[in-house]
């Protein structure tokens, strides 16, 4: 019995050498060291590029484009042509963008929503690529038409709404999407299933009760 314990102790000492532990620690430290490109991103994060500059530019661009498109602040006539008041639109967009980035909660919502929306855009493009691989090559670009377009727009709309609800957090740290899942008191799976079933029923009713278009009637 004593010889077995001596053999077990010797085997333990041989297997776990201090040199091997130090070598493993050095390899782990080398792997954990950030790369130069990662250090650049860390530097940009430290100066507020992702929390201040990029959200400011995004909000300013979107608001300015909306004001230019809707012409809410009026137009001015120069040489018989009407132009939007770009100075007023720019000032309003500048102020709105500054007010948005002043609220950290809004900036966090914008960053998270935009990042997740890009994922939805990526899957949309990937879906079109897969559909286009089975489509006959023509001069016109391939795009969705008819019922496929409506269904796809509904799916994207629901995804954007879900992303937005999942980005807004309450005081206890939970998102609105989780609150919506707990609304029925039985978890989010049942709520998601109920919503999907309701959408399918509505789509079936719309498809069954819609009237034929004039083009189809004239063709017959």
C-alpha atoms as a PDB file:
ATOM      1  CA  UNK A   1       0.000   0.000   0.000  1.00  0.00           C
ATOM      2  CA  UNK A   2       2.863   2.383   0.782  1.00  0.00           C
ATOM      3  CA  UNK A   3       4.566   1.618  -2.540  1.00  0.00           C
ATOM      4  CA  UNK A   4       1.335   2.468  -4.425  1.00  0.00           C
ATOM      5  CA  UNK A   5       1.080   5.848  -2.665  1.00  0.00           C
ATOM      6  CA  UNK A   6       4.729   6.620  -3.458  1.00  0.00           C
ATOM      7  CA  UNK A   7       4.115   5.748  -7.119  1.00  0.00           C
ATOM      8  CA  UNK A   8       1.000   7.928  -7.233  1.00  0.00           C
ATOM      9  CA  UNK A   9       2.856  10.892  -5.718  1.00  0.00           C
ATOM     10  CA  UNK A  10       5.752  10.532  -8.119  1.00  0.00           C
ATOM     11  CA  UNK A  11       3.394  10.356 -11.099  1.00  0.00           C
ATOM     12  CA  UNK A  12       1.626  13.526  -9.956  1.00  0.00           C
ATOM     13  CA  UNK A  13       4.888  15.420  -9.615  1.00  0.00           C
ATOM     14  CA  UNK A  14       6.042  14.287 -13.049  1.00  0.00           C
ATOM     15  CA  UNK A  15       2.839  15.236 -14.799  1.00  0.00           C
ATOM     16  CA  UNK A  16       2.446  18.773 -13.420  1.00  0.00           C
ATOM     17  CA  UNK A  17       5.774  20.513 -13.841  1.00  0.00           C
ATOM     18  CA  UNK A  18       6.186  24.236 -13.025  1.00  0.00           C
ATOM     19  CA  UNK A  19       7.758  24.834 -16.446  1.00  0.00           C
ATOM     20  CA  UNK A  20       4.641  23.580 -18.249  1.00  0.00           C
ATOM     21  CA  UNK A  21       2.351  25.807 -16.187  1.00  0.00           C
ATOM     22  CA  UNK A  22       4.465  28.859 -16.970  1.00  0.00           C
ATOM     23  CA  UNK A  23       4.539  27.995 -20.670  1.00  0.00           C
ATOM     24  CA  UNK A  24       0.755  27.627 -20.727  1.00  0.00           C
ATOM     25  CA  UNK A  25       0.364  30.984 -18.973  1.00  0.00           C
ATOM     26  CA  UNK A  26       2.634  32.675 -21.518  1.00  0.00           C
ATOM     27  CA  UNK A  27       0.698  31.185 -24.450  1.00  0.00           C
ATOM     28  CA  UNK A  28      -2.619  32.315 -22.930  1.00  0.00           C
ATOM     29  CA  UNK A  29      -1.248  35.832 -22.395  1.00  0.00           C
ATOM     30  CA  UNK A  30      -0.040  35.950 -25.997  1.00  0.00           C
ATOM     31  CA  UNK A  31      -3.454  34.841 -27.260  1.00  0.00           C
ATOM     32  CA  UNK A  32      -5.313  37.341 -25.037  1.00  0.00           C
ATOM     33  CA  UNK A  33      -3.190  40.261 -26.243  1.00  0.00           C
ATOM     34  CA  UNK A  34      -5.302  42.449 -28.563  1.00  0.00           C
ATOM     35  CA  UNK A  35      -4.273  42.810 -32.184  1.00  0.00           C
ATOM     36  CA  UNK A  36      -3.273  46.214 -33.651  1.00  0.00           C
ATOM     37  CA  UNK A  37      -6.640  46.588 -35.402  1.00  0.00           C
ATOM     38  CA  UNK A  38      -8.475  45.737 -32.183  1.00  0.00           C
ATOM     39  CA  UNK A  39      -6.375  48.336 -30.361  1.00  0.00           C
ATOM     40  CA  UNK A  40      -7.462  50.904 -32.956  1.00  0.00           C
ATOM     41  CA  UNK A  41     -11.121  50.075 -32.259  1.00  0.00           C
ATOM     42  CA  UNK A  42     -10.472  50.332 -28.531  1.00  0.00           C
ATOM     43  CA  UNK A  43      -8.896  53.757 -29.091  1.00  0.00           C
ATOM     44  CA  UNK A  44     -11.888  54.914 -31.146  1.00  0.00           C
ATOM     45  CA  UNK A  45     -14.192  53.696 -28.391  1.00  0.00           C
ATOM     46  CA  UNK A  46     -12.209  55.570 -25.759  1.00  0.00           C
ATOM     47  CA  UNK A  47     -12.506  58.895 -27.626  1.00  0.00           C
ATOM     48  CA  UNK A  48     -16.271  58.447 -28.083  1.00  0.00           C
ATOM     49  CA  UNK A  49     -16.443  57.624 -31.783  1.00  0.00           C
ATOM     50  CA  UNK A  50     -19.139  54.979 -31.338  1.00  0.00           C
ATOM     51  CA  UNK A  51     -21.060  56.802 -28.610  1.00  0.00           C
ATOM     52  CA  UNK A  52     -20.956  60.381 -29.902  1.00  0.00           C
ATOM     53  CA  UNK A  53     -19.619  60.933 -33.419  1.00  0.00           C
ATOM     54  CA  UNK A  54     -21.278  58.126 -35.383  1.00  0.00           C
ATOM     55  CA  UNK A  55     -24.723  58.441 -33.709  1.00  0.00           C
ATOM     56  CA  UNK A  56     -24.578  62.218 -34.247  1.00  0.00           C
ATOM     57  CA  UNK A  57     -23.809  61.815 -37.956  1.00  0.00           C
ATOM     58  CA  UNK A  58     -26.521  59.174 -38.372  1.00  0.00           C
ATOM     59  CA  UNK A  59     -29.251  61.207 -36.658  1.00  0.00           C
ATOM     60  CA  UNK A  60     -28.206  64.409 -38.444  1.00  0.00           C
ATOM     61  CA  UNK A  61     -28.267  62.709 -41.857  1.00  0.00           C
ATOM     62  CA  UNK A  62     -31.631  61.014 -41.349  1.00  0.00           C
ATOM     63  CA  UNK A  63     -33.356  64.105 -39.930  1.00  0.00           C
ATOM     64  CA  UNK A  64     -31.885  66.386 -42.596  1.00  0.00           C
ATOM     65  CA  UNK A  65     -33.020  64.016 -45.362  1.00  0.00           C
ATOM     66  CA  UNK A  66     -36.546  63.880 -43.899  1.00  0.00           C
ATOM     67  CA  UNK A  67     -36.759  67.671 -43.647  1.00  0.00           C
ATOM     68  CA  UNK A  68     -35.482  68.068 -47.199  1.00  0.00           C
ATOM     69  CA  UNK A  69     -37.967  65.512 -48.504  1.00  0.00           C
ATOM     70  CA  UNK A  70     -41.049  66.722 -46.636  1.00  0.00           C
ATOM     71  CA  UNK A  71     -40.228  70.481 -46.870  1.00  0.00           C
ATOM     72  CA  UNK A  72     -41.764  71.011 -43.441  1.00  0.00           C
ATOM     73  CA  UNK A  73     -39.850  74.236 -42.777  1.00  0.00           C
ATOM     74  CA  UNK A  74     -40.953  75.759 -46.057  1.00  0.00           C
ATOM     75  CA  UNK A  75     -39.330  76.657 -49.362  1.00  0.00           C
ATOM     76  CA  UNK A  76     -37.919  79.749 -50.988  1.00  0.00           C
ATOM     77  CA  UNK A  77     -38.182  80.829 -54.606  1.00  0.00           C
ATOM     78  CA  UNK A  78     -35.024  81.787 -56.461  1.00  0.00           C
ATOM     79  CA  UNK A  79     -35.124  82.696 -60.177  1.00  0.00           C
ATOM     80  CA  UNK A  80     -38.547  81.124 -60.522  1.00  0.00           C
ATOM     81  CA  UNK A  81     -37.521  77.819 -58.929  1.00  0.00           C
ATOM     82  CA  UNK A  82     -38.444  76.619 -55.469  1.00  0.00           C
ATOM     83  CA  UNK A  83     -35.696  75.390 -53.164  1.00  0.00           C
ATOM     84  CA  UNK A  84     -35.847  74.022 -49.656  1.00  0.00           C
ATOM     85  CA  UNK A  85     -34.508  76.145 -46.820  1.00  0.00           C
ATOM     86  CA  UNK A  86     -31.320  74.153 -46.296  1.00  0.00           C
ATOM     87  CA  UNK A  87     -30.020  76.485 -43.601  1.00  0.00           C
ATOM     88  CA  UNK A  88     -33.081  75.961 -41.405  1.00  0.00           C
ATOM     89  CA  UNK A  89     -33.106  72.233 -42.111  1.00  0.00           C
ATOM     90  CA  UNK A  90     -29.423  71.964 -41.219  1.00  0.00           C
ATOM     91  CA  UNK A  91     -29.826  73.903 -37.960  1.00  0.00           C
ATOM     92  CA  UNK A  92     -32.847  71.844 -36.907  1.00  0.00           C
ATOM     93  CA  UNK A  93     -31.052  68.589 -37.748  1.00  0.00           C
ATOM     94  CA  UNK A  94     -27.955  69.741 -35.874  1.00  0.00           C
ATOM     95  CA  UNK A  95     -29.919  70.568 -32.727  1.00  0.00           C
ATOM     96  CA  UNK A  96     -31.947  67.338 -32.819  1.00  0.00           C
ATOM     97  CA  UNK A  97     -28.787  65.254 -33.287  1.00  0.00           C
ATOM     98  CA  UNK A  98     -27.112  66.968 -30.323  1.00  0.00           C
ATOM     99  CA  UNK A  99     -30.165  66.425 -28.123  1.00  0.00           C
ATOM    100  CA  UNK A 100     -30.192  62.735 -29.048  1.00  0.00           C
ATOM    101  CA  UNK A 101     -26.525  62.083 -28.255  1.00  0.00           C
ATOM    102  CA  UNK A 102     -26.941  63.957 -24.957  1.00  0.00           C
ATOM    103  CA  UNK A 103     -29.187  61.103 -23.772  1.00  0.00           C
ATOM    104  CA  UNK A 104     -27.122  57.960 -23.239  1.00  0.00           C
ATOM    105  CA  UNK A 105     -30.208  55.741 -23.281  1.00  0.00           C
ATOM    106  CA  UNK A 106     -31.168  56.906 -26.767  1.00  0.00           C
ATOM    107  CA  UNK A 107     -27.626  56.396 -28.047  1.00  0.00           C
ATOM    108  CA  UNK A 108     -27.581  52.845 -26.692  1.00  0.00           C
ATOM    109  CA  UNK A 109     -30.932  52.121 -28.368  1.00  0.00           C
ATOM    110  CA  UNK A 110     -29.712  53.537 -31.694  1.00  0.00           C
ATOM    111  CA  UNK A 111     -26.450  51.583 -31.645  1.00  0.00           C
ATOM    112  CA  UNK A 112     -28.111  48.295 -30.783  1.00  0.00           C
ATOM    113  CA  UNK A 113     -31.016  48.744 -33.191  1.00  0.00           C
ATOM    114  CA  UNK A 114     -28.838  49.709 -36.156  1.00  0.00           C
ATOM    115  CA  UNK A 115     -26.415  46.845 -35.534  1.00  0.00           C
ATOM    116  CA  UNK A 116     -29.211  44.262 -35.415  1.00  0.00           C
ATOM    117  CA  UNK A 117     -31.006  45.825 -38.393  1.00  0.00           C
ATOM    118  CA  UNK A 118     -27.859  45.293 -40.466  1.00  0.00           C
ATOM    119  CA  UNK A 119     -28.137  41.589 -39.667  1.00  0.00           C
ATOM    120  CA  UNK A 120     -31.698  41.607 -41.042  1.00  0.00           C
ATOM    121  CA  UNK A 121     -30.442  43.399 -44.163  1.00  0.00           C
ATOM    122  CA  UNK A 122     -27.690  40.808 -44.576  1.00  0.00           C
ATOM    123  CA  UNK A 123     -30.169  37.919 -44.388  1.00  0.00           C
ATOM    124  CA  UNK A 124     -32.430  39.715 -46.881  1.00  0.00           C
ATOM    125  CA  UNK A 125     -29.607  40.064 -49.387  1.00  0.00           C
ATOM    126  CA  UNK A 126     -28.578  36.449 -48.778  1.00  0.00           C
ATOM    127  CA  UNK A 127     -32.166  35.322 -49.411  1.00  0.00           C
ATOM    128  CA  UNK A 128     -32.273  37.240 -52.696  1.00  0.00           C
ATOM    129  CA  UNK A 129     -28.958  35.699 -53.739  1.00  0.00           C
ATOM    130  CA  UNK A 130     -30.269  32.202 -53.083  1.00  0.00           C
ATOM    131  CA  UNK A 131     -33.511  32.928 -54.972  1.00  0.00           C
ATOM    132  CA  UNK A 132     -31.577  34.496 -57.842  1.00  0.00           C
ATOM    133  CA  UNK A 133     -29.445  31.387 -58.230  1.00  0.00           C
ATOM    134  CA  UNK A 134     -32.608  29.496 -59.314  1.00  0.00           C
ATOM    135  CA  UNK A 135     -33.923  32.375 -61.428  1.00  0.00           C
ATOM    136  CA  UNK A 136     -33.498  32.596 -65.182  1.00  0.00           C
ATOM    137  CA  UNK A 137     -30.989  35.237 -66.198  1.00  0.00           C
ATOM    138  CA  UNK A 138     -32.674  38.267 -67.751  1.00  0.00           C
ATOM    139  CA  UNK A 139     -31.847  41.850 -68.616  1.00  0.00           C
ATOM    140  CA  UNK A 140     -33.920  43.274 -65.782  1.00  0.00           C
ATOM    141  CA  UNK A 141     -32.706  42.788 -62.188  1.00  0.00           C
ATOM    142  CA  UNK A 142     -34.370  40.136 -60.090  1.00  0.00           C
ATOM    143  CA  UNK A 143     -36.745  41.393 -57.377  1.00  0.00           C
ATOM    144  CA  UNK A 144     -39.727  40.070 -55.454  1.00  0.00           C
ATOM    145  CA  UNK A 145     -43.196  40.639 -56.851  1.00  0.00           C
ATOM    146  CA  UNK A 146     -46.776  39.979 -55.860  1.00  0.00           C
ATOM    147  CA  UNK A 147     -47.529  37.994 -52.684  1.00  0.00           C
ATOM    148  CA  UNK A 148     -43.850  37.230 -52.045  1.00  0.00           C
ATOM    149  CA  UNK A 149     -43.111  40.929 -51.780  1.00  0.00           C
ATOM    150  CA  UNK A 150     -45.935  41.516 -49.288  1.00  0.00           C
ATOM    151  CA  UNK A 151     -44.998  38.511 -47.142  1.00  0.00           C
ATOM    152  CA  UNK A 152     -41.338  39.494 -47.118  1.00  0.00           C
ATOM    153  CA  UNK A 153     -42.190  43.082 -46.156  1.00  0.00           C
ATOM    154  CA  UNK A 154     -44.328  41.811 -43.258  1.00  0.00           C
ATOM    155  CA  UNK A 155     -41.500  39.565 -42.043  1.00  0.00           C
ATOM    156  CA  UNK A 156     -38.978  42.416 -42.190  1.00  0.00           C
ATOM    157  CA  UNK A 157     -41.407  44.757 -40.426  1.00  0.00           C
ATOM    158  CA  UNK A 158     -41.960  42.274 -37.607  1.00  0.00           C
ATOM    159  CA  UNK A 159     -38.201  41.751 -37.321  1.00  0.00           C
ATOM    160  CA  UNK A 160     -37.577  45.508 -37.051  1.00  0.00           C
ATOM    161  CA  UNK A 161     -40.304  45.869 -34.426  1.00  0.00           C
ATOM    162  CA  UNK A 162     -38.830  42.967 -32.450  1.00  0.00           C
ATOM    163  CA  UNK A 163     -35.347  44.475 -32.657  1.00  0.00           C
ATOM    164  CA  UNK A 164     -36.650  47.840 -31.480  1.00  0.00           C
ATOM    165  CA  UNK A 165     -38.534  46.311 -28.554  1.00  0.00           C
ATOM    166  CA  UNK A 166     -35.499  44.223 -27.622  1.00  0.00           C
ATOM    167  CA  UNK A 167     -33.290  47.350 -27.572  1.00  0.00           C
ATOM    168  CA  UNK A 168     -35.384  49.328 -25.074  1.00  0.00           C
ATOM    169  CA  UNK A 169     -34.700  48.325 -21.478  1.00  0.00           C
ATOM    170  CA  UNK A 170     -36.722  49.069 -18.378  1.00  0.00           C
ATOM    171  CA  UNK A 171     -35.411  50.118 -14.978  1.00  0.00           C
ATOM    172  CA  UNK A 172     -34.846  46.502 -13.892  1.00  0.00           C
ATOM    173  CA  UNK A 173     -32.668  45.766 -16.938  1.00  0.00           C
ATOM    174  CA  UNK A 174     -35.254  43.761 -18.853  1.00  0.00           C
ATOM    175  CA  UNK A 175     -36.285  44.653 -22.395  1.00  0.00           C
ATOM    176  CA  UNK A 176     -39.745  45.507 -23.650  1.00  0.00           C
ATOM    177  CA  UNK A 177     -39.722  42.303 -25.679  1.00  0.00           C
ATOM    178  CA  UNK A 178     -39.253  40.283 -22.501  1.00  0.00           C
ATOM    179  CA  UNK A 179     -42.025  42.282 -20.860  1.00  0.00           C
ATOM    180  CA  UNK A 180     -44.252  41.501 -23.821  1.00  0.00           C
ATOM    181  CA  UNK A 181     -43.410  37.827 -23.408  1.00  0.00           C
ATOM    182  CA  UNK A 182     -44.388  37.943 -19.743  1.00  0.00           C
ATOM    183  CA  UNK A 183     -47.601  39.820 -20.486  1.00  0.00           C
ATOM    184  CA  UNK A 184     -49.554  36.588 -20.807  1.00  0.00           C
ATOM    185  CA  UNK A 185     -47.877  35.157 -17.712  1.00  0.00           C
ATOM    186  CA  UNK A 186     -46.809  32.003 -19.544  1.00  0.00           C
ATOM    187  CA  UNK A 187     -43.527  32.978 -21.175  1.00  0.00           C
ATOM    188  CA  UNK A 188     -42.435  34.382 -24.509  1.00  0.00           C
ATOM    189  CA  UNK A 189     -42.767  31.134 -26.502  1.00  0.00           C
ATOM    190  CA  UNK A 190     -46.545  31.046 -26.170  1.00  0.00           C
ATOM    191  CA  UNK A 191     -46.840  34.722 -27.057  1.00  0.00           C
ATOM    192  CA  UNK A 192     -44.642  34.287 -30.125  1.00  0.00           C
ATOM    193  CA  UNK A 193     -46.701  31.289 -31.230  1.00  0.00           C
ATOM    194  CA  UNK A 194     -49.938  33.220 -30.726  1.00  0.00           C
ATOM    195  CA  UNK A 195     -48.664  36.149 -32.765  1.00  0.00           C
ATOM    196  CA  UNK A 196     -47.528  33.885 -35.617  1.00  0.00           C
ATOM    197  CA  UNK A 197     -50.879  32.078 -35.615  1.00  0.00           C
ATOM    198  CA  UNK A 198     -52.773  35.375 -35.608  1.00  0.00           C
ATOM    199  CA  UNK A 199     -50.711  36.686 -38.536  1.00  0.00           C
ATOM    200  CA  UNK A 200     -51.322  33.500 -40.531  1.00  0.00           C
ATOM    201  CA  UNK A 201     -55.070  33.705 -39.879  1.00  0.00           C
ATOM    202  CA  UNK A 202     -55.181  37.358 -40.972  1.00  0.00           C
ATOM    203  CA  UNK A 203     -53.208  36.593 -44.142  1.00  0.00           C
ATOM    204  CA  UNK A 204     -55.530  33.689 -44.974  1.00  0.00           C
ATOM    205  CA  UNK A 205     -58.618  35.854 -44.460  1.00  0.00           C
ATOM    206  CA  UNK A 206     -57.199  38.630 -46.647  1.00  0.00           C
ATOM    207  CA  UNK A 207     -56.262  36.144 -49.377  1.00  0.00           C
ATOM    208  CA  UNK A 208     -59.659  34.419 -49.262  1.00  0.00           C
ATOM    209  CA  UNK A 209     -61.768  37.598 -49.283  1.00  0.00           C
ATOM    210  CA  UNK A 210     -59.824  39.751 -51.717  1.00  0.00           C
ATOM    211  CA  UNK A 211     -61.524  40.684 -54.960  1.00  0.00           C
ATOM    212  CA  UNK A 212     -59.934  39.893 -58.320  1.00  0.00           C
ATOM    213  CA  UNK A 213     -58.154  42.781 -59.947  1.00  0.00           C
ATOM    214  CA  UNK A 214     -59.383  44.540 -63.038  1.00  0.00           C
ATOM    215  CA  UNK A 215     -56.512  43.193 -65.137  1.00  0.00           C
ATOM    216  CA  UNK A 216     -57.426  39.585 -64.378  1.00  0.00           C
ATOM    217  CA  UNK A 217     -61.086  40.273 -65.161  1.00  0.00           C
ATOM    218  CA  UNK A 218     -60.288  41.852 -68.532  1.00  0.00           C
ATOM    219  CA  UNK A 219     -57.920  39.019 -69.414  1.00  0.00           C
ATOM    220  CA  UNK A 220     -60.732  36.484 -68.862  1.00  0.00           C
END
